[in-house]
Amino acid sequence: MPVVLVLLLSGTWLLSGALVTGTDPLIVAVGRTAVCCAALTAAAASAPGGRADLRRAAARPGTVWLLGLLGFAGYAAGTLLAIPRIGTSLANLVVALMPCVSVAVGALFFAERSGPRKAAGAALACAAAAGYAALGADAGDVDGPGLLLVAGATVAFAVYGFLYRRRMSGVPPSAALPVLLAAATCLLLPMALPALISHPPTLAATGGIVVLGAVVYAPAYLVQHRLILRRGPVFTAAVQLAVPFTVRLGDWALGTAPVPSSAELLLLAVCCGGIALVTGRPAAPLAAKA
């Protein structure tokens, strides 16, 4: 599942990057969220027991609105509104700190200890991902409100991971996600409405948003949330640090970027090493000799 998640999330970045060049980012955000919600709702409703699971998820309105705000609407709005202020590279640099933020949030608020190996791996992977983002960052991009927006979005998603695991573990992700995405769509729509009215997306962009939400984001969210439930938020956040590097390799394969430099390849190797420390299981102790 970690490999599938990295490939799917890389696809979301590549397709989203192509869409936002001619379409308002908030339109893309609310569109992909609404389409993903519709696709997952249809799938859940058609599965045996799916409608009952959907009702169970919707029966917790306080949790639904809180998680929809933290994990989807707040995170999307914070990152998308920060990018025009500080640039994509600097925004990615802050988001790259997610595993370390998850370790801190888990220890401070959820009584979860990651252990020295996972903490060291998260720090190493974050440092490599941040270094990679810094290669493309511009010192002139530093902007206080922009940094606060993306930092707030990063903390919000870290908190979301722990709350989702704690409060929605009894509901399958295939049923919980449509309800959370519906709440997020309601929260995002007022922000995107001015752009929808003044600059509606073209037919081609609409088709791209449908593909992005139904074909790429829907399975990506399912895999991501199953990993959160099975292995925890720190594990999932660490795995996702491979995404920027995979996107870079994808851009090279598509001919939209040059060959990765030696520095980028080195940082990729270091990041993978850190991820391995977080995601690998500790070796079993040797049996004592008789």
Protein backbone atom coordinates (compact mmCIF):
# COMPACT_ATOMS: atom_id res chain seq x y z
CA MET A 1 0.00 0.00 0.00
CA PRO A 2 2.78 2.57 0.66
CA VAL A 3 4.07 2.23 -2.92
CA VAL A 4 0.54 2.53 -4.33
CA LEU A 5 -0.06 5.63 -2.19
CA VAL A 6 3.11 7.33 -3.43
CA LEU A 7 2.25 6.62 -7.06
CA LEU A 8 -1.33 7.85 -6.68
CA LEU A 9 -0.35 11.03 -4.83
CA SER A 10 2.32 11.71 -7.44
CA GLY A 11 -0.39 11.47 -10.07
CA THR A 12 -2.51 14.00 -8.16
CA TRP A 13 0.38 16.51 -8.13
CA LEU A 14 1.14 16.05 -11.83
CA LEU A 15 -2.49 16.38 -12.90
CA SER A 16 -3.26 19.19 -10.44
CA GLY A 17 -0.20 21.09 -11.66
CA ALA A 18 -1.50 20.89 -15.22
CA LEU A 19 -5.00 22.00 -14.20
CA VAL A 20 -4.12 25.02 -12.05
CA THR A 21 -2.13 26.62 -14.87
CA GLY A 22 -5.40 27.72 -16.47
CA THR A 23 -7.96 27.29 -13.69
CA ASP A 24 -8.31 28.95 -10.29
CA PRO A 25 -6.75 26.66 -7.64
CA LEU A 26 -9.79 26.94 -5.36
CA ILE A 27 -12.04 25.78 -8.22
CA VAL A 28 -9.79 22.76 -8.68
CA ALA A 29 -9.84 22.12 -4.92
CA VAL A 30 -13.60 22.22 -4.50
CA GLY A 31 -14.17 20.40 -7.79
CA ARG A 32 -11.89 17.48 -7.01
CA THR A 33 -13.35 17.25 -3.48
CA ALA A 34 -16.96 17.21 -4.72
CA VAL A 35 -16.26 14.70 -7.50
CA CYS A 36 -14.29 12.45 -5.14
CA CYS A 37 -17.16 12.64 -2.65
CA ALA A 38 -19.70 11.66 -5.33
CA ALA A 39 -17.58 8.75 -6.58
CA LEU A 40 -16.93 7.34 -3.11
CA THR A 41 -20.57 7.83 -2.07
CA ALA A 42 -21.77 5.88 -5.12
CA ALA A 43 -19.29 3.09 -4.41
CA ALA A 44 -20.23 2.89 -0.73
CA ALA A 45 -23.97 2.98 -1.38
CA SER A 46 -23.71 0.10 -3.86
CA ALA A 47 -21.69 -2.14 -1.52
CA PRO A 48 -23.38 -4.56 0.91
CA GLY A 49 -23.90 -2.75 4.20
CA GLY A 50 -22.48 0.44 2.69
CA ARG A 51 -25.56 2.56 3.31
CA ALA A 52 -25.63 1.54 6.95
CA ASP A 53 -21.96 2.50 7.27
CA LEU A 54 -22.65 5.87 5.66
CA ARG A 55 -25.42 6.52 8.17
CA ARG A 56 -23.10 5.54 11.04
CA ALA A 57 -20.47 8.01 9.85
CA ALA A 58 -23.02 10.80 9.37
CA ALA A 59 -24.43 10.19 12.87
CA ARG A 60 -21.40 12.00 14.33
CA PRO A 61 -21.93 15.55 13.01
CA GLY A 62 -19.48 17.25 15.38
CA THR A 63 -16.68 14.86 14.41
CA VAL A 64 -17.59 15.05 10.71
CA TRP A 65 -17.39 18.86 10.54
CA LEU A 66 -14.20 18.99 12.61
CA LEU A 67 -12.41 16.37 10.51
CA GLY A 68 -13.74 17.85 7.27
CA LEU A 69 -12.31 21.22 8.29
CA LEU A 70 -8.92 19.98 9.53
CA GLY A 71 -8.14 17.27 6.99
CA PHE A 72 -9.63 18.59 3.78
CA ALA A 73 -11.04 22.14 3.68
CA GLY A 74 -8.51 23.72 6.05
CA TYR A 75 -5.53 21.89 4.60
CA ALA A 76 -6.48 22.60 0.98
CA ALA A 77 -7.32 26.25 1.60
CA GLY A 78 -4.20 26.88 3.71
CA THR A 79 -1.78 25.40 1.20
CA LEU A 80 -3.47 26.83 -1.91
CA LEU A 81 -3.75 30.33 -0.45
CA ALA A 82 -0.12 30.19 0.73
CA ILE A 83 1.35 29.25 -2.65
CA PRO A 84 0.70 32.67 -4.32
CA ARG A 85 2.33 34.36 -1.31
CA ILE A 86 5.43 32.21 -0.77
CA GLY A 87 5.71 30.00 -3.84
CA THR A 88 5.30 26.26 -4.33
CA SER A 89 8.81 25.28 -3.20
CA LEU A 90 8.68 27.09 0.14
CA ALA A 91 5.15 25.79 0.76
CA ASN A 92 6.36 22.24 0.07
CA LEU A 93 9.30 22.83 2.41
CA VAL A 94 6.91 23.53 5.30
CA VAL A 95 4.62 20.62 4.39
CA ALA A 96 7.72 18.39 4.30
CA LEU A 97 7.94 18.82 8.09
CA MET A 98 4.69 16.83 8.47
CA PRO A 99 6.25 13.66 9.99
CA CYS A 100 8.11 15.68 12.63
CA VAL A 101 4.95 17.66 13.35
CA SER A 102 3.04 14.38 13.66
CA VAL A 103 5.60 13.02 16.12
CA ALA A 104 5.28 16.20 18.22
CA VAL A 105 1.48 16.33 18.04
CA GLY A 106 1.19 12.66 18.97
CA ALA A 107 3.49 13.03 21.95
CA LEU A 108 1.98 16.29 23.24
CA PHE A 109 -1.74 15.71 22.75
CA PHE A 110 -2.40 12.01 22.11
CA ALA A 111 0.05 10.25 24.45
CA GLU A 112 1.69 8.42 21.53
CA ARG A 113 5.41 7.78 21.59
CA SER A 114 7.13 7.04 18.30
CA GLY A 115 10.42 5.79 19.74
CA PRO A 116 13.94 6.98 18.93
CA ARG A 117 14.24 5.06 15.67
CA LYS A 118 11.05 6.48 14.16
CA ALA A 119 11.74 9.96 15.50
CA ALA A 120 15.25 9.93 14.00
CA GLY A 121 13.93 8.57 10.70
CA ALA A 122 11.22 11.24 10.54
CA ALA A 123 13.78 13.98 11.23
CA LEU A 124 16.16 12.61 8.58
CA ALA A 125 13.44 12.25 5.93
CA CYS A 126 12.09 15.73 6.74
CA ALA A 127 15.56 17.26 6.48
CA ALA A 128 16.08 15.67 3.05
CA ALA A 129 12.65 16.72 1.77
CA ALA A 130 13.12 20.24 3.15
CA GLY A 131 16.54 20.43 1.52
CA TYR A 132 15.02 19.38 -1.77
CA ALA A 133 12.33 22.06 -1.49
CA ALA A 134 14.98 24.64 -0.53
CA LEU A 135 16.78 23.99 -3.83
CA GLY A 136 13.88 25.66 -5.61
CA ALA A 137 12.93 28.20 -2.95
CA ASP A 138 13.58 31.89 -3.39
CA ALA A 139 14.62 33.99 -0.40
CA GLY A 140 12.29 36.71 -1.65
CA ASP A 141 9.35 34.33 -1.22
CA VAL A 142 9.40 34.66 2.59
CA ASP A 143 6.08 36.14 3.69
CA GLY A 144 4.76 35.99 7.25
CA PRO A 145 1.05 35.42 6.53
CA GLY A 146 1.87 32.89 3.81
CA LEU A 147 4.12 30.92 6.13
CA LEU A 148 1.44 30.98 8.85
CA LEU A 149 -1.16 29.69 6.39
CA VAL A 150 0.87 26.68 5.26
CA ALA A 151 2.17 25.99 8.80
CA GLY A 152 -1.39 26.04 10.09
CA ALA A 153 -2.47 23.67 7.31
CA THR A 154 0.37 21.28 8.17
CA VAL A 155 -0.47 21.22 11.87
CA ALA A 156 -4.17 20.83 11.05
CA PHE A 157 -3.55 17.71 8.97
CA ALA A 158 -1.25 16.25 11.62
CA VAL A 159 -4.00 16.67 14.23
CA TYR A 160 -6.53 15.29 11.74
CA GLY A 161 -4.58 12.05 11.34
CA PHE A 162 -4.70 11.28 15.07
CA LEU A 163 -8.34 12.37 15.49
CA TYR A 164 -9.45 10.35 12.48
CA ARG A 165 -7.73 7.24 13.80
CA ARG A 166 -9.23 7.72 17.25
CA ARG A 167 -12.79 8.77 16.38
CA MET A 168 -13.53 7.00 13.08
CA SER A 169 -11.69 3.71 13.49
CA GLY A 170 -15.02 1.86 13.77
CA VAL A 171 -16.19 3.08 10.35
CA PRO A 172 -14.59 1.80 7.11
CA PRO A 173 -12.74 4.54 5.18
CA SER A 174 -14.97 3.80 2.18
CA ALA A 175 -17.94 5.06 4.26
CA ALA A 176 -16.24 7.70 6.42
CA LEU A 177 -14.55 9.53 3.54
CA PRO A 178 -17.70 10.42 1.53
CA VAL A 179 -19.23 12.04 4.62
CA LEU A 180 -16.03 13.96 5.48
CA LEU A 181 -15.60 15.07 1.87
CA ALA A 182 -19.21 16.28 1.76
CA ALA A 183 -18.54 18.49 4.77
CA ALA A 184 -15.29 19.73 3.20
CA THR A 185 -17.10 20.56 -0.05
CA CYS A 186 -19.63 22.69 1.87
CA LEU A 187 -16.76 24.52 3.59
CA LEU A 188 -14.74 25.08 0.39
CA LEU A 189 -17.60 26.14 -1.89
CA PRO A 190 -18.04 29.68 -0.44
CA MET A 191 -14.31 30.34 -0.97
CA ALA A 192 -14.40 29.13 -4.58
CA LEU A 193 -17.77 30.68 -5.51
CA PRO A 194 -16.42 34.11 -6.64
CA ALA A 195 -13.96 32.44 -9.02
CA LEU A 196 -16.63 30.01 -10.26
CA ILE A 197 -18.89 32.93 -11.15
CA SER A 198 -16.26 35.19 -12.70
CA HIS A 199 -14.02 32.59 -14.36
CA PRO A 200 -15.84 29.25 -14.73
CA PRO A 201 -13.65 26.31 -15.82
CA THR A 202 -13.55 25.28 -19.47
CA LEU A 203 -15.02 22.00 -20.66
CA ALA A 204 -11.52 20.48 -20.86
CA ALA A 205 -10.66 21.66 -17.34
CA THR A 206 -13.96 20.27 -16.03
CA GLY A 207 -13.14 16.90 -17.56
CA GLY A 208 -9.69 17.01 -15.99
CA ILE A 209 -11.18 17.81 -12.57
CA VAL A 210 -13.57 14.86 -12.90
CA VAL A 211 -10.67 12.52 -13.72
CA LEU A 212 -8.60 13.99 -10.89
CA GLY A 213 -11.33 13.53 -8.29
CA ALA A 214 -12.83 10.19 -9.34
CA VAL A 215 -9.90 8.29 -10.84
CA VAL A 216 -6.89 9.57 -8.88
CA TYR A 217 -7.96 11.16 -5.59
CA ALA A 218 -10.66 8.63 -4.64
CA PRO A 219 -8.30 5.61 -4.51
CA ALA A 220 -5.50 7.76 -3.08
CA TYR A 221 -7.68 8.84 -0.15
CA LEU A 222 -8.82 5.26 0.49
CA VAL A 223 -5.26 3.93 0.60
CA GLN A 224 -4.06 6.89 2.70
CA HIS A 225 -6.75 6.45 5.34
CA ARG A 226 -6.35 2.69 5.52
CA LEU A 227 -2.67 3.27 6.22
CA ILE A 228 -3.53 5.82 8.92
CA LEU A 229 -5.77 3.25 10.63
CA ARG A 230 -3.34 0.35 10.27
CA ARG A 231 0.07 1.96 10.76
CA GLY A 232 -0.63 5.43 12.16
CA PRO A 233 -0.27 9.08 11.07
CA VAL A 234 3.53 9.24 11.46
CA PHE A 235 4.04 6.20 9.22
CA THR A 236 1.68 7.61 6.57
CA ALA A 237 3.21 11.09 6.66
CA ALA A 238 6.72 9.64 6.29
CA VAL A 239 5.72 7.55 3.28
CA GLN A 240 4.27 10.64 1.60
CA LEU A 241 7.66 12.40 1.74
CA ALA A 242 8.67 10.31 -1.27
CA VAL A 243 6.00 12.03 -3.37
CA PRO A 244 7.90 15.24 -4.31
CA PHE A 245 10.83 13.16 -5.54
CA THR A 246 8.53 10.83 -7.51
CA VAL A 247 6.83 13.86 -9.06
CA ARG A 248 10.27 15.20 -10.04
CA LEU A 249 11.12 11.89 -11.73
CA GLY A 250 7.71 11.93 -13.42
CA ASP A 251 8.32 15.43 -14.77
CA TRP A 252 11.64 14.23 -16.17
CA ALA A 253 10.01 11.15 -17.74
CA LEU A 254 7.32 13.36 -19.32
CA GLY A 255 9.96 15.72 -20.71
CA THR A 256 8.78 18.73 -18.68
CA ALA A 257 11.94 18.91 -16.53
CA PRO A 258 15.65 18.18 -17.03
CA VAL A 259 17.52 15.16 -15.67
CA PRO A 260 17.62 15.20 -11.82
CA SER A 261 20.86 16.64 -10.49
CA SER A 262 23.29 14.71 -8.29
CA ALA A 263 22.14 16.78 -5.30
CA GLU A 264 18.49 15.85 -5.94
CA LEU A 265 19.37 12.16 -6.26
CA LEU A 266 21.41 12.29 -3.04
CA LEU A 267 18.55 13.93 -1.15
CA LEU A 268 16.18 11.31 -2.58
CA ALA A 269 18.43 8.53 -1.23
CA VAL A 270 18.65 10.19 2.20
CA CYS A 271 14.88 10.69 2.29
CA CYS A 272 14.28 7.04 1.41
CA GLY A 273 16.67 6.03 4.19
CA GLY A 274 14.71 8.11 6.70
CA ILE A 275 11.41 6.69 5.46
CA ALA A 276 12.82 3.18 5.86
CA LEU A 277 13.62 3.90 9.52
CA VAL A 278 10.04 5.05 10.13
CA THR A 279 8.24 2.37 8.15
CA GLY A 280 10.49 -0.63 8.80
CA ARG A 281 9.63 -2.97 11.61
CA PRO A 282 12.27 -3.38 14.35
CA ALA A 283 14.28 -6.56 14.20
CA ALA A 284 13.14 -9.30 16.55
CA PRO A 285 15.52 -9.85 19.50
CA LEU A 286 17.84 -12.82 19.24
CA ALA A 287 16.75 -15.79 21.32
CA ALA A 288 18.89 -16.40 24.35
CA LYS A 289 21.16 -19.40 24.18
CA ALA A 290 20.35 -22.29 26.47
